[in-house]
Amino acid sequence: MLLGIAITGVSTMVSWVKLQRELTADRQVASLELANIAERLSTRPYDELTSETLSALDLSPIAATELRQPQFSVTVEDETEPVPAKRVTLTLVWLDRGDRPQAPQRLVRWFHAPSPQVQP
């Protein structure tokens, strides 16, 4: 009887650890995907950083297959003070193995307007 209790406790613990590893792996995939998208955005001209142009962004095939039903969104907010800039927020939401939505993973990146060229 004592052995049965121990086996039940160990199997429950192993199941919980497996679930936590899966959740951590999903969060890492989402975090790396948002970092890669932000890096790709840094190569774009400042004027192209608009909600309309960035709405066409897609997730990489790896992230699209690793995460269950991923939903990706981008918002762009123009700022004027203290200097002209654009605040780009990348958000990624997905479902875990039990079809429960996970907390959104967000990455915020500021892009500053290029400084005007001074003519001598």
PDB file of N, CA and C in Angstrom:
ATOM      1  N   MET A   1       0.819  -1.192   0.000  1.00  0.00           N
ATOM      2  CA  MET A   1       0.000   0.000   0.000  1.00  0.00           C
ATOM      3  C   MET A   1       0.868   1.264   0.000  1.00  0.00           C
ATOM      4  N   LEU A   2       1.911   1.253   0.791  1.00  0.00           N
ATOM      5  CA  LEU A   2       2.812   2.401   0.852  1.00  0.00           C
ATOM      6  C   LEU A   2       3.496   2.629  -0.494  1.00  0.00           C
ATOM      7  N   LEU A   3       3.821   1.529  -1.171  1.00  0.00           N
ATOM      8  CA  LEU A   3       4.452   1.625  -2.489  1.00  0.00           C
ATOM      9  C   LEU A   3       3.488   2.240  -3.500  1.00  0.00           C
ATOM     10  N   GLY A   4       2.212   1.905  -3.420  1.00  0.00           N
ATOM     11  CA  GLY A   4       1.202   2.473  -4.323  1.00  0.00           C
ATOM     12  C   GLY A   4       1.051   3.976  -4.130  1.00  0.00           C
ATOM     13  N   ILE A   5       1.084   4.414  -2.899  1.00  0.00           N
ATOM     14  CA  ILE A   5       0.990   5.841  -2.595  1.00  0.00           C
ATOM     15  C   ILE A   5       2.214   6.570  -3.141  1.00  0.00           C
ATOM     16  N   ALA A   6       3.381   5.973  -2.962  1.00  0.00           N
ATOM     17  CA  ALA A   6       4.616   6.592  -3.453  1.00  0.00           C
ATOM     18  C   ALA A   6       4.599   6.680  -4.974  1.00  0.00           C
ATOM     19  N   ILE A   7       4.149   5.617  -5.650  1.00  0.00           N
ATOM     20  CA  ILE A   7       4.102   5.623  -7.117  1.00  0.00           C
ATOM     21  C   ILE A   7       3.120   6.669  -7.615  1.00  0.00           C
ATOM     22  N   THR A   8       1.981   6.793  -6.973  1.00  0.00           N
ATOM     23  CA  THR A   8       0.991   7.805  -7.364  1.00  0.00           C
ATOM     24  C   THR A   8       1.561   9.206  -7.196  1.00  0.00           C
ATOM     25  N   GLY A   9       2.224   9.442  -6.083  1.00  0.00           N
ATOM     26  CA  GLY A   9       2.831  10.756  -5.845  1.00  0.00           C
ATOM     27  C   GLY A   9       3.914  11.086  -6.856  1.00  0.00           C
ATOM     28  N   VAL A  10       4.748  10.118  -7.172  1.00  0.00           N
ATOM     29  CA  VAL A  10       5.823  10.346  -8.136  1.00  0.00           C
ATOM     30  C   VAL A  10       5.258  10.572  -9.529  1.00  0.00           C
ATOM     31  N   SER A  11       4.257   9.804  -9.942  1.00  0.00           N
ATOM     32  CA  SER A  11       3.692   9.981 -11.288  1.00  0.00           C
ATOM     33  C   SER A  11       2.997  11.332 -11.422  1.00  0.00           C
ATOM     34  N   THR A  12       2.359  11.787 -10.357  1.00  0.00           N
ATOM     35  CA  THR A  12       1.737  13.116 -10.382  1.00  0.00           C
ATOM     36  C   THR A  12       2.799  14.194 -10.518  1.00  0.00           C
ATOM     37  N   MET A  13       3.894  14.038  -9.802  1.00  0.00           N
ATOM     38  CA  MET A  13       4.992  15.012  -9.865  1.00  0.00           C
ATOM     39  C   MET A  13       5.626  15.016 -11.250  1.00  0.00           C
ATOM     40  N   VAL A  14       5.827  13.856 -11.841  1.00  0.00           N
ATOM     41  CA  VAL A  14       6.424  13.768 -13.175  1.00  0.00           C
ATOM     42  C   VAL A  14       5.513  14.436 -14.207  1.00  0.00           C
ATOM     43  N   SER A  15       4.211  14.225 -14.109  1.00  0.00           N
ATOM     44  CA  SER A  15       3.257  14.866 -15.026  1.00  0.00           C
ATOM     45  C   SER A  15       3.306  16.384 -14.894  1.00  0.00           C
ATOM     46  N   TRP A  16       3.379  16.876 -13.675  1.00  0.00           N
ATOM     47  CA  TRP A  16       3.426  18.316 -13.436  1.00  0.00           C
ATOM     48  C   TRP A  16       4.714  18.924 -13.995  1.00  0.00           C
ATOM     49  N   VAL A  17       5.837  18.240 -13.798  1.00  0.00           N
ATOM     50  CA  VAL A  17       7.124  18.726 -14.311  1.00  0.00           C
ATOM     51  C   VAL A  17       7.090  18.753 -15.836  1.00  0.00           C
ATOM     52  N   LYS A  18       6.522  17.722 -16.463  1.00  0.00           N
ATOM     53  CA  LYS A  18       6.416  17.676 -17.928  1.00  0.00           C
ATOM     54  C   LYS A  18       5.595  18.849 -18.445  1.00  0.00           C
ATOM     55  N   LEU A  19       4.473  19.136 -17.794  1.00  0.00           N
ATOM     56  CA  LEU A  19       3.627  20.260 -18.197  1.00  0.00           C
ATOM     57  C   LEU A  19       4.378  21.578 -18.062  1.00  0.00           C
ATOM     58  N   GLN A  20       5.097  21.769 -16.974  1.00  0.00           N
ATOM     59  CA  GLN A  20       5.846  23.012 -16.775  1.00  0.00           C
ATOM     60  C   GLN A  20       6.952  23.173 -17.813  1.00  0.00           C
ATOM     61  N   ARG A  21       7.589  22.089 -18.191  1.00  0.00           N
ATOM     62  CA  ARG A  21       8.618  22.160 -19.234  1.00  0.00           C
ATOM     63  C   ARG A  21       8.018  22.567 -20.572  1.00  0.00           C
ATOM     64  N   GLU A  22       6.841  22.025 -20.891  1.00  0.00           N
ATOM     65  CA  GLU A  22       6.171  22.383 -22.144  1.00  0.00           C
ATOM     66  C   GLU A  22       5.787  23.865 -22.146  1.00  0.00           C
ATOM     67  N   LEU A  23       5.249  24.346 -21.031  1.00  0.00           N
ATOM     68  CA  LEU A  23       4.870  25.754 -20.938  1.00  0.00           C
ATOM     69  C   LEU A  23       6.094  26.669 -21.068  1.00  0.00           C
ATOM     70  N   THR A  24       7.187  26.277 -20.443  1.00  0.00           N
ATOM     71  CA  THR A  24       8.414  27.059 -20.528  1.00  0.00           C
ATOM     72  C   THR A  24       8.973  27.059 -21.950  1.00  0.00           C
ATOM     73  N   ALA A  25       8.912  25.922 -22.617  1.00  0.00           N
ATOM     74  CA  ALA A  25       9.395  25.841 -23.999  1.00  0.00           C
ATOM     75  C   ALA A  25       8.548  26.729 -24.913  1.00  0.00           C
ATOM     76  N   ASP A  26       7.232  26.727 -24.729  1.00  0.00           N
ATOM     77  CA  ASP A  26       6.354  27.587 -25.536  1.00  0.00           C
ATOM     78  C   ASP A  26       6.666  29.060 -25.299  1.00  0.00           C
ATOM     79  N   ARG A  27       6.861  29.430 -24.046  1.00  0.00           N
ATOM     80  CA  ARG A  27       7.162  30.830 -23.727  1.00  0.00           C
ATOM     81  C   ARG A  27       8.495  31.244 -24.331  1.00  0.00           C
ATOM     82  N   GLN A  28       9.460  30.344 -24.351  1.00  0.00           N
ATOM     83  CA  GLN A  28      10.756  30.655 -24.944  1.00  0.00           C
ATOM     84  C   GLN A  28      10.629  30.824 -26.456  1.00  0.00           C
ATOM     85  N   VAL A  29       9.853  29.968 -27.113  1.00  0.00           N
ATOM     86  CA  VAL A  29       9.622  30.111 -28.557  1.00  0.00           C
ATOM     87  C   VAL A  29       8.977  31.459 -28.846  1.00  0.00           C
ATOM     88  N   ALA A  30       7.969  31.838 -28.062  1.00  0.00           N
ATOM     89  CA  ALA A  30       7.280  33.112 -28.269  1.00  0.00           C
ATOM     90  C   ALA A  30       8.223  34.288 -28.046  1.00  0.00           C
ATOM     91  N   SER A  31       9.021  34.223 -27.009  1.00  0.00           N
ATOM     92  CA  SER A  31       9.950  35.313 -26.711  1.00  0.00           C
ATOM     93  C   SER A  31      10.990  35.478 -27.822  1.00  0.00           C
ATOM     94  N   LEU A  32      11.546  34.388 -28.289  1.00  0.00           N
ATOM     95  CA  LEU A  32      12.530  34.456 -29.372  1.00  0.00           C
ATOM     96  C   LEU A  32      11.896  34.943 -30.669  1.00  0.00           C
ATOM     97  N   GLU A  33      10.672  34.538 -30.919  1.00  0.00           N
ATOM     98  CA  GLU A  33       9.987  34.981 -32.138  1.00  0.00           C
ATOM     99  C   GLU A  33       9.774  36.495 -32.124  1.00  0.00           C
ATOM    100  N   LEU A  34       9.331  37.039 -30.999  1.00  0.00           N
ATOM    101  CA  LEU A  34       9.129  38.486 -30.916  1.00  0.00           C
ATOM    102  C   LEU A  34      10.456  39.228 -31.042  1.00  0.00           C
ATOM    103  N   ALA A  35      11.519  38.694 -30.465  1.00  0.00           N
ATOM    104  CA  ALA A  35      12.834  39.331 -30.590  1.00  0.00           C
ATOM    105  C   ALA A  35      13.299  39.326 -32.047  1.00  0.00           C
ATOM    106  N   ASN A  36      13.061  38.231 -32.754  1.00  0.00           N
ATOM    107  CA  ASN A  36      13.449  38.164 -34.166  1.00  0.00           C
ATOM    108  C   ASN A  36      12.649  39.142 -35.017  1.00  0.00           C
ATOM    109  N   ILE A  37      11.368  39.273 -34.734  1.00  0.00           N
ATOM    110  CA  ILE A  37      10.539  40.231 -35.485  1.00  0.00           C
ATOM    111  C   ILE A  37      11.016  41.652 -35.215  1.00  0.00           C
ATOM    112  N   ALA A  38      11.312  41.973 -33.952  1.00  0.00           N
ATOM    113  CA  ALA A  38      11.806  43.316 -33.615  1.00  0.00           C
ATOM    114  C   ALA A  38      13.124  43.601 -34.326  1.00  0.00           C
ATOM    115  N   GLU A  39      13.961  42.601 -34.438  1.00  0.00           N
ATOM    116  CA  GLU A  39      15.233  42.790 -35.141  1.00  0.00           C
ATOM    117  C   GLU A  39      14.996  43.063 -36.623  1.00  0.00           C
ATOM    118  N   ARG A  40      14.036  42.338 -37.228  1.00  0.00           N
ATOM    119  CA  ARG A  40      13.712  42.590 -38.640  1.00  0.00           C
ATOM    120  C   ARG A  40      13.152  43.997 -38.829  1.00  0.00           C
ATOM    121  N   LEU A  41      12.385  44.481 -37.852  1.00  0.00           N
ATOM    122  CA  LEU A  41      11.818  45.830 -37.959  1.00  0.00           C
ATOM    123  C   LEU A  41      12.902  46.895 -37.925  1.00  0.00           C
ATOM    124  N   SER A  42      13.986  46.633 -37.227  1.00  0.00           N
ATOM    125  CA  SER A  42      15.045  47.636 -37.111  1.00  0.00           C
ATOM    126  C   SER A  42      15.734  47.906 -38.448  1.00  0.00           C
ATOM    127  N   THR A  43      15.541  47.036 -39.428  1.00  0.00           N
ATOM    128  CA  THR A  43      16.144  47.254 -40.751  1.00  0.00           C
ATOM    129  C   THR A  43      15.232  48.057 -41.673  1.00  0.00           C
ATOM    130  N   ARG A  44      14.009  48.292 -41.253  1.00  0.00           N
ATOM    131  CA  ARG A  44      13.065  49.036 -42.094  1.00  0.00           C
ATOM    132  C   ARG A  44      13.255  50.539 -41.932  1.00  0.00           C
ATOM    133  N   PRO A  45      12.969  51.280 -42.992  1.00  0.00           N
ATOM    134  CA  PRO A  45      13.001  52.746 -42.867  1.00  0.00           C
ATOM    135  C   PRO A  45      11.947  53.217 -41.853  1.00  0.00           C
ATOM    136  N   TYR A  46      12.257  54.294 -41.186  1.00  0.00           N
ATOM    137  CA  TYR A  46      11.381  54.838 -40.144  1.00  0.00           C
ATOM    138  C   TYR A  46       9.973  55.108 -40.668  1.00  0.00           C
ATOM    139  N   ASP A  47       9.865  55.632 -41.890  1.00  0.00           N
ATOM    140  CA  ASP A  47       8.549  55.975 -42.453  1.00  0.00           C
ATOM    141  C   ASP A  47       7.689  54.758 -42.745  1.00  0.00           C
ATOM    142  N   GLU A  48       8.287  53.585 -42.844  1.00  0.00           N
ATOM    143  CA  GLU A  48       7.521  52.365 -43.112  1.00  0.00           C
ATOM    144  C   GLU A  48       6.962  51.725 -41.847  1.00  0.00           C
ATOM    145  N   LEU A  49       7.297  52.256 -40.696  1.00  0.00           N
ATOM    146  CA  LEU A  49       6.821  51.699 -39.433  1.00  0.00           C
ATOM    147  C   LEU A  49       5.437  52.253 -39.109  1.00  0.00           C
ATOM    148  N   THR A  50       4.434  51.718 -39.781  1.00  0.00           N
ATOM    149  CA  THR A  50       3.043  52.114 -39.555  1.00  0.00           C
ATOM    150  C   THR A  50       2.214  50.869 -39.269  1.00  0.00           C
ATOM    151  N   SER A  51       1.067  51.062 -38.661  1.00  0.00           N
ATOM    152  CA  SER A  51       0.180  49.928 -38.375  1.00  0.00           C
ATOM    153  C   SER A  51      -0.216  49.201 -39.648  1.00  0.00           C
ATOM    154  N   GLU A  52      -0.416  49.968 -40.722  1.00  0.00           N
ATOM    155  CA  GLU A  52      -0.854  49.360 -41.983  1.00  0.00           C
ATOM    156  C   GLU A  52       0.229  48.455 -42.559  1.00  0.00           C
ATOM    157  N   THR A  53       1.463  48.930 -42.606  1.00  0.00           N
ATOM    158  CA  THR A  53       2.526  48.125 -43.205  1.00  0.00           C
ATOM    159  C   THR A  53       2.933  46.958 -42.313  1.00  0.00           C
ATOM    160  N   LEU A  54       2.892  47.156 -41.002  1.00  0.00           N
ATOM    161  CA  LEU A  54       3.326  46.093 -40.097  1.00  0.00           C
ATOM    162  C   LEU A  54       2.251  45.042 -39.865  1.00  0.00           C
ATOM    163  N   SER A  55       1.009  45.340 -40.230  1.00  0.00           N
ATOM    164  CA  SER A  55      -0.045  44.337 -40.058  1.00  0.00           C
ATOM    165  C   SER A  55       0.164  43.142 -40.982  1.00  0.00           C
ATOM    166  N   ALA A  56       0.998  43.290 -42.001  1.00  0.00           N
ATOM    167  CA  ALA A  56       1.277  42.190 -42.928  1.00  0.00           C
ATOM    168  C   ALA A  56       2.339  41.227 -42.399  1.00  0.00           C
ATOM    169  N   LEU A  57       2.928  41.527 -41.253  1.00  0.00           N
ATOM    170  CA  LEU A  57       3.951  40.644 -40.690  1.00  0.00           C
ATOM    171  C   LEU A  57       3.348  39.300 -40.287  1.00  0.00           C
ATOM    172  N   ASP A  58       4.097  38.246 -40.518  1.00  0.00           N
ATOM    173  CA  ASP A  58       3.679  36.900 -40.135  1.00  0.00           C
ATOM    174  C   ASP A  58       4.706  36.278 -39.210  1.00  0.00           C
ATOM    175  N   LEU A  59       4.269  35.266 -38.471  1.00  0.00           N
ATOM    176  CA  LEU A  59       5.186  34.509 -37.640  1.00  0.00           C
ATOM    177  C   LEU A  59       6.025  33.587 -38.514  1.00  0.00           C
ATOM    178  N   SER A  60       7.174  33.210 -38.016  1.00  0.00           N
ATOM    179  CA  SER A  60       8.013  32.257 -38.734  1.00  0.00           C
ATOM    180  C   SER A  60       7.301  30.902 -38.754  1.00  0.00           C
ATOM    181  N   PRO A  61       7.622  30.061 -39.719  1.00  0.00           N
ATOM    182  CA  PRO A  61       6.987  28.739 -39.774  1.00  0.00           C
ATOM    183  C   PRO A  61       7.227  27.923 -38.497  1.00  0.00           C
ATOM    184  N   ILE A  62       8.394  28.069 -37.894  1.00  0.00           N
ATOM    185  CA  ILE A  62       8.682  27.313 -36.667  1.00  0.00           C
ATOM    186  C   ILE A  62       7.747  27.738 -35.541  1.00  0.00           C
ATOM    187  N   ALA A  63       7.606  29.046 -35.328  1.00  0.00           N
ATOM    188  CA  ALA A  63       6.724  29.526 -34.257  1.00  0.00           C
ATOM    189  C   ALA A  63       5.272  29.181 -34.560  1.00  0.00           C
ATOM    190  N   ALA A  64       4.882  29.256 -35.831  1.00  0.00           N
ATOM    191  CA  ALA A  64       3.498  28.954 -36.197  1.00  0.00           C
ATOM    192  C   ALA A  64       3.150  27.489 -35.940  1.00  0.00           C
ATOM    193  N   THR A  65       4.128  26.596 -36.030  1.00  0.00           N
ATOM    194  CA  THR A  65       3.846  25.185 -35.779  1.00  0.00           C
ATOM    195  C   THR A  65       4.080  24.784 -34.324  1.00  0.00           C
ATOM    196  N   GLU A  66       5.036  25.428 -33.649  1.00  0.00           N
ATOM    197  CA  GLU A  66       5.336  25.078 -32.260  1.00  0.00           C
ATOM    198  C   GLU A  66       4.256  25.565 -31.285  1.00  0.00           C
ATOM    199  N   LEU A  67       3.673  26.716 -31.572  1.00  0.00           N
ATOM    200  CA  LEU A  67       2.654  27.285 -30.683  1.00  0.00           C
ATOM    201  C   LEU A  67       1.263  26.913 -31.201  1.00  0.00           C
ATOM    202  N   ARG A  68       0.372  26.574 -30.283  1.00  0.00           N
ATOM    203  CA  ARG A  68      -0.980  26.184 -30.677  1.00  0.00           C
ATOM    204  C   ARG A  68      -1.836  27.435 -30.882  1.00  0.00           C
ATOM    205  N   GLN A  69      -2.391  27.556 -32.061  1.00  0.00           N
ATOM    206  CA  GLN A  69      -3.273  28.658 -32.448  1.00  0.00           C
ATOM    207  C   GLN A  69      -2.704  30.029 -32.036  1.00  0.00           C
ATOM    208  N   PRO A  70      -1.512  30.360 -32.521  1.00  0.00           N
ATOM    209  CA  PRO A  70      -0.918  31.644 -32.142  1.00  0.00           C
ATOM    210  C   PRO A  70      -1.676  32.816 -32.770  1.00  0.00           C
ATOM    211  N   GLN A  71      -1.782  33.884 -32.010  1.00  0.00           N
ATOM    212  CA  GLN A  71      -2.391  35.124 -32.490  1.00  0.00           C
ATOM    213  C   GLN A  71      -1.365  36.235 -32.277  1.00  0.00           C
ATOM    214  N   PHE A  72      -0.946  36.821 -33.385  1.00  0.00           N
ATOM    215  CA  PHE A  72       0.100  37.843 -33.355  1.00  0.00           C
ATOM    216  C   PHE A  72      -0.505  39.187 -33.722  1.00  0.00           C
ATOM    217  N   SER A  73      -0.123  40.229 -32.993  1.00  0.00           N
ATOM    218  CA  SER A  73      -0.608  41.571 -33.323  1.00  0.00           C
ATOM    219  C   SER A  73       0.505  42.594 -33.123  1.00  0.00           C
ATOM    220  N   VAL A  74       0.366  43.702 -33.868  1.00  0.00           N
ATOM    221  CA  VAL A  74       1.341  44.796 -33.808  1.00  0.00           C
ATOM    222  C   VAL A  74       0.569  46.096 -33.662  1.00  0.00           C
ATOM    223  N   THR A  75       1.009  46.940 -32.746  1.00  0.00           N
ATOM    224  CA  THR A  75       0.451  48.288 -32.648  1.00  0.00           C
ATOM    225  C   THR A  75       1.593  49.289 -32.748  1.00  0.00           C
ATOM    226  N   VAL A  76       1.312  50.400 -33.415  1.00  0.00           N
ATOM    227  CA  VAL A  76       2.304  51.462 -33.585  1.00  0.00           C
ATOM    228  C   VAL A  76       1.688  52.752 -33.058  1.00  0.00           C
ATOM    229  N   GLU A  77       2.389  53.400 -32.140  1.00  0.00           N
ATOM    230  CA  GLU A  77       1.933  54.675 -31.587  1.00  0.00           C
ATOM    231  C   GLU A  77       2.987  55.734 -31.879  1.00  0.00           C
ATOM    232  N   ASP A  78       2.551  56.834 -32.461  1.00  0.00           N
ATOM    233  CA  ASP A  78       3.462  57.953 -32.738  1.00  0.00           C
ATOM    234  C   ASP A  78       3.593  58.829 -31.509  1.00  0.00           C
ATOM    235  N   GLU A  79       4.818  59.192 -31.201  1.00  0.00           N
ATOM    236  CA  GLU A  79       5.123  60.087 -30.078  1.00  0.00           C
ATOM    237  C   GLU A  79       5.819  61.322 -30.628  1.00  0.00           C
ATOM    238  N   THR A  80       5.567  62.454 -30.006  1.00  0.00           N
ATOM    239  CA  THR A  80       6.223  63.685 -30.455  1.00  0.00           C
ATOM    240  C   THR A  80       7.130  64.290 -29.390  1.00  0.00           C
ATOM    241  N   GLU A  81       6.874  63.975 -28.140  1.00  0.00           N
ATOM    242  CA  GLU A  81       7.662  64.549 -27.048  1.00  0.00           C
ATOM    243  C   GLU A  81       8.410  63.464 -26.311  1.00  0.00           C
ATOM    244  N   PRO A  82       9.582  63.663 -25.895  1.00  0.00           N
ATOM    245  CA  PRO A  82      10.460  64.807 -26.063  1.00  0.00           C
ATOM    246  C   PRO A  82      11.096  64.843 -27.453  1.00  0.00           C
ATOM    247  N   VAL A  83      11.121  63.691 -28.148  1.00  0.00           N
ATOM    248  CA  VAL A  83      11.625  63.659 -29.522  1.00  0.00           C
ATOM    249  C   VAL A  83      10.680  62.796 -30.345  1.00  0.00           C
ATOM    250  N   PRO A  84      10.616  63.022 -31.663  1.00  0.00           N
ATOM    251  CA  PRO A  84       9.751  62.185 -32.493  1.00  0.00           C
ATOM    252  C   PRO A  84      10.197  60.715 -32.443  1.00  0.00           C
ATOM    253  N   ALA A  85       9.229  59.853 -32.184  1.00  0.00           N
ATOM    254  CA  ALA A  85       9.527  58.420 -32.099  1.00  0.00           C
ATOM    255  C   ALA A  85       8.255  57.623 -32.349  1.00  0.00           C
ATOM    256  N   LYS A  86       8.441  56.337 -32.573  1.00  0.00           N
ATOM    257  CA  LYS A  86       7.316  55.417 -32.732  1.00  0.00           C
ATOM    258  C   LYS A  86       7.499  54.288 -31.729  1.00  0.00           C
ATOM    259  N   ARG A  87       6.419  54.020 -31.018  1.00  0.00           N
ATOM    260  CA  ARG A  87       6.423  52.924 -30.046  1.00  0.00           C
ATOM    261  C   ARG A  87       5.726  51.741 -30.707  1.00  0.00           C
ATOM    262  N   VAL A  88       6.473  50.664 -30.948  1.00  0.00           N
ATOM    263  CA  VAL A  88       5.931  49.476 -31.599  1.00  0.00           C
ATOM    264  C   VAL A  88       5.782  48.386 -30.540  1.00  0.00           C
ATOM    265  N   THR A  89       4.556  47.887 -30.365  1.00  0.00           N
ATOM    266  CA  THR A  89       4.284  46.822 -29.410  1.00  0.00           C
ATOM    267  C   THR A  89       3.931  45.549 -30.169  1.00  0.00           C
ATOM    268  N   LEU A  90       4.713  44.515 -29.946  1.00  0.00           N
ATOM    269  CA  LEU A  90       4.470  43.204 -30.541  1.00  0.00           C
ATOM    270  C   LEU A  90       3.841  42.322 -29.470  1.00  0.00           C
ATOM    271  N   THR A  91       2.736  41.664 -29.795  1.00  0.00           N
ATOM    272  CA  THR A  91       2.039  40.821 -28.829  1.00  0.00           C
ATOM    273  C   THR A  91       1.761  39.456 -29.448  1.00  0.00           C
ATOM    274  N   LEU A  92       1.989  38.424 -28.659  1.00  0.00           N
ATOM    275  CA  LEU A  92       1.758  37.058 -29.124  1.00  0.00           C
ATOM    276  C   LEU A  92       1.026  36.291 -28.028  1.00  0.00           C
ATOM    277  N   VAL A  93      -0.100  35.671 -28.419  1.00  0.00           N
ATOM    278  CA  VAL A  93      -0.913  34.867 -27.507  1.00  0.00           C
ATOM    279  C   VAL A  93      -1.086  33.498 -28.155  1.00  0.00           C
ATOM    280  N   TRP A  94      -1.121  32.448 -27.363  1.00  0.00           N
ATOM    281  CA  TRP A  94      -1.313  31.092 -27.874  1.00  0.00           C
ATOM    282  C   TRP A  94      -2.021  30.258 -26.813  1.00  0.00           C
ATOM    283  N   LEU A  95      -2.393  29.033 -27.186  1.00  0.00           N
ATOM    284  CA  LEU A  95      -3.059  28.118 -26.267  1.00  0.00           C
ATOM    285  C   LEU A  95      -2.064  27.076 -25.773  1.00  0.00           C
ATOM    286  N   ASP A  96      -2.248  26.638 -24.523  1.00  0.00           N
ATOM    287  CA  ASP A  96      -1.407  25.551 -24.032  1.00  0.00           C
ATOM    288  C   ASP A  96      -1.996  24.218 -24.482  1.00  0.00           C
ATOM    289  N   ARG A  97      -1.419  23.112 -24.027  1.00  0.00           N
ATOM    290  CA  ARG A  97      -1.867  21.782 -24.462  1.00  0.00           C
ATOM    291  C   ARG A  97      -3.303  21.474 -24.025  1.00  0.00           C
ATOM    292  N   GLY A  98      -3.777  22.180 -23.014  1.00  0.00           N
ATOM    293  CA  GLY A  98      -5.146  21.988 -22.542  1.00  0.00           C
ATOM    294  C   GLY A  98      -6.118  22.995 -23.137  1.00  0.00           C
ATOM    295  N   ASP A  99      -5.726  23.667 -24.213  1.00  0.00           N
ATOM    296  CA  ASP A  99      -6.541  24.688 -24.895  1.00  0.00           C
ATOM    297  C   ASP A  99      -6.890  25.874 -24.009  1.00  0.00           C
ATOM    298  N   ARG A 100      -6.017  26.178 -23.069  1.00  0.00           N
ATOM    299  CA  ARG A 100      -6.192  27.364 -22.234  1.00  0.00           C
ATOM    300  C   ARG A 100      -5.290  28.469 -22.774  1.00  0.00           C
ATOM    301  N   PRO A 101      -5.831  29.701 -22.936  1.00  0.00           N
ATOM    302  CA  PRO A 101      -4.982  30.797 -23.425  1.00  0.00           C
ATOM    303  C   PRO A 101      -3.889  31.125 -22.415  1.00  0.00           C
ATOM    304  N   GLN A 102      -2.695  31.348 -22.935  1.00  0.00           N
ATOM    305  CA  GLN A 102      -1.556  31.713 -22.096  1.00  0.00           C
ATOM    306  C   GLN A 102      -1.481  33.229 -21.978  1.00  0.00           C
ATOM    307  N   ALA A 103      -0.805  33.681 -20.950  1.00  0.00           N
ATOM    308  CA  ALA A 103      -0.614  35.120 -20.766  1.00  0.00           C
ATOM    309  C   ALA A 103       0.124  35.673 -21.981  1.00  0.00           C
ATOM    310  N   PRO A 104      -0.291  36.823 -22.479  1.00  0.00           N
ATOM    311  CA  PRO A 104       0.366  37.376 -23.667  1.00  0.00           C
ATOM    312  C   PRO A 104       1.848  37.644 -23.431  1.00  0.00           C
ATOM    313  N   GLN A 105       2.617  37.356 -24.439  1.00  0.00           N
ATOM    314  CA  GLN A 105       4.035  37.705 -24.441  1.00  0.00           C
ATOM    315  C   GLN A 105       4.145  39.004 -25.240  1.00  0.00           C
ATOM    316  N   ARG A 106       4.756  40.027 -24.657  1.00  0.00           N
ATOM    317  CA  ARG A 106       4.858  41.328 -25.322  1.00  0.00           C
ATOM    318  C   ARG A 106       6.306  41.775 -25.397  1.00  0.00           C
ATOM    319  N   LEU A 107       6.569  42.514 -26.465  1.00  0.00           N
ATOM    320  CA  LEU A 107       7.865  43.158 -26.607  1.00  0.00           C
ATOM    321  C   LEU A 107       7.595  44.557 -27.141  1.00  0.00           C
ATOM    322  N   VAL A 108       8.133  45.569 -26.471  1.00  0.00           N
ATOM    323  CA  VAL A 108       7.954  46.958 -26.885  1.00  0.00           C
ATOM    324  C   VAL A 108       9.296  47.489 -27.354  1.00  0.00           C
ATOM    325  N   ARG A 109       9.275  48.116 -28.513  1.00  0.00           N
ATOM    326  CA  ARG A 109      10.518  48.661 -29.097  1.00  0.00           C
ATOM    327  C   ARG A 109      10.244  50.088 -29.544  1.00  0.00           C
ATOM    328  N   TRP A 110      11.146  50.991 -29.196  1.00  0.00           N
ATOM    329  CA  TRP A 110      11.045  52.386 -29.606  1.00  0.00           C
ATOM    330  C   TRP A 110      11.937  52.606 -30.822  1.00  0.00           C
ATOM    331  N   PHE A 111      11.398  53.306 -31.810  1.00  0.00           N
ATOM    332  CA  PHE A 111      12.169  53.692 -32.989  1.00  0.00           C
ATOM    333  C   PHE A 111      12.147  55.215 -33.056  1.00  0.00           C
ATOM    334  N   HIS A 112      13.323  55.825 -33.113  1.00  0.00           N
ATOM    335  CA  HIS A 112      13.413  57.283 -33.145  1.00  0.00           C
ATOM    336  C   HIS A 112      13.584  57.770 -34.572  1.00  0.00           C
ATOM    337  N   ALA A 113      12.982  58.924 -34.847  1.00  0.00           N
ATOM    338  CA  ALA A 113      13.079  59.517 -36.179  1.00  0.00           C
ATOM    339  C   ALA A 113      14.534  59.851 -36.475  1.00  0.00           C
ATOM    340  N   PRO A 114      14.920  59.673 -37.725  1.00  0.00           N
ATOM    341  CA  PRO A 114      16.305  60.032 -38.061  1.00  0.00           C
ATOM    342  C   PRO A 114      16.527  61.528 -37.875  1.00  0.00           C
ATOM    343  N   SER A 115      17.698  61.878 -37.416  1.00  0.00           N
ATOM    344  CA  SER A 115      17.995  63.297 -37.211  1.00  0.00           C
ATOM    345  C   SER A 115      18.230  63.955 -38.568  1.00  0.00           C
ATOM    346  N   PRO A 116      17.823  65.205 -38.692  1.00  0.00           N
ATOM    347  CA  PRO A 116      17.993  65.897 -39.979  1.00  0.00           C
ATOM    348  C   PRO A 116      19.469  66.084 -40.309  1.00  0.00           C
ATOM    349  N   GLN A 117      19.761  65.952 -41.570  1.00  0.00           N
ATOM    350  CA  GLN A 117      21.148  66.137 -42.026  1.00  0.00           C
ATOM    351  C   GLN A 117      21.488  67.617 -42.053  1.00  0.00           C
ATOM    352  N   VAL A 118      22.623  67.969 -41.506  1.00  0.00           N
ATOM    353  CA  VAL A 118      23.083  69.349 -41.477  1.00  0.00           C
ATOM    354  C   VAL A 118      23.919  69.585 -42.723  1.00  0.00           C
ATOM    355  N   GLN A 119      23.516  70.596 -43.494  1.00  0.00           N
ATOM    356  CA  GLN A 119      24.238  70.938 -44.715  1.00  0.00           C
ATOM    357  C   GLN A 119      25.297  71.992 -44.395  1.00  0.00           C
ATOM    358  N   PRO A 120      26.558  71.765 -44.778  1.00  0.00           N
ATOM    359  CA  PRO A 120      27.597  72.773 -44.478  1.00  0.00           C
ATOM    360  C   PRO A 120      27.491  73.979 -45.382  1.00  0.00           C
TER     361      PRO A 120
END
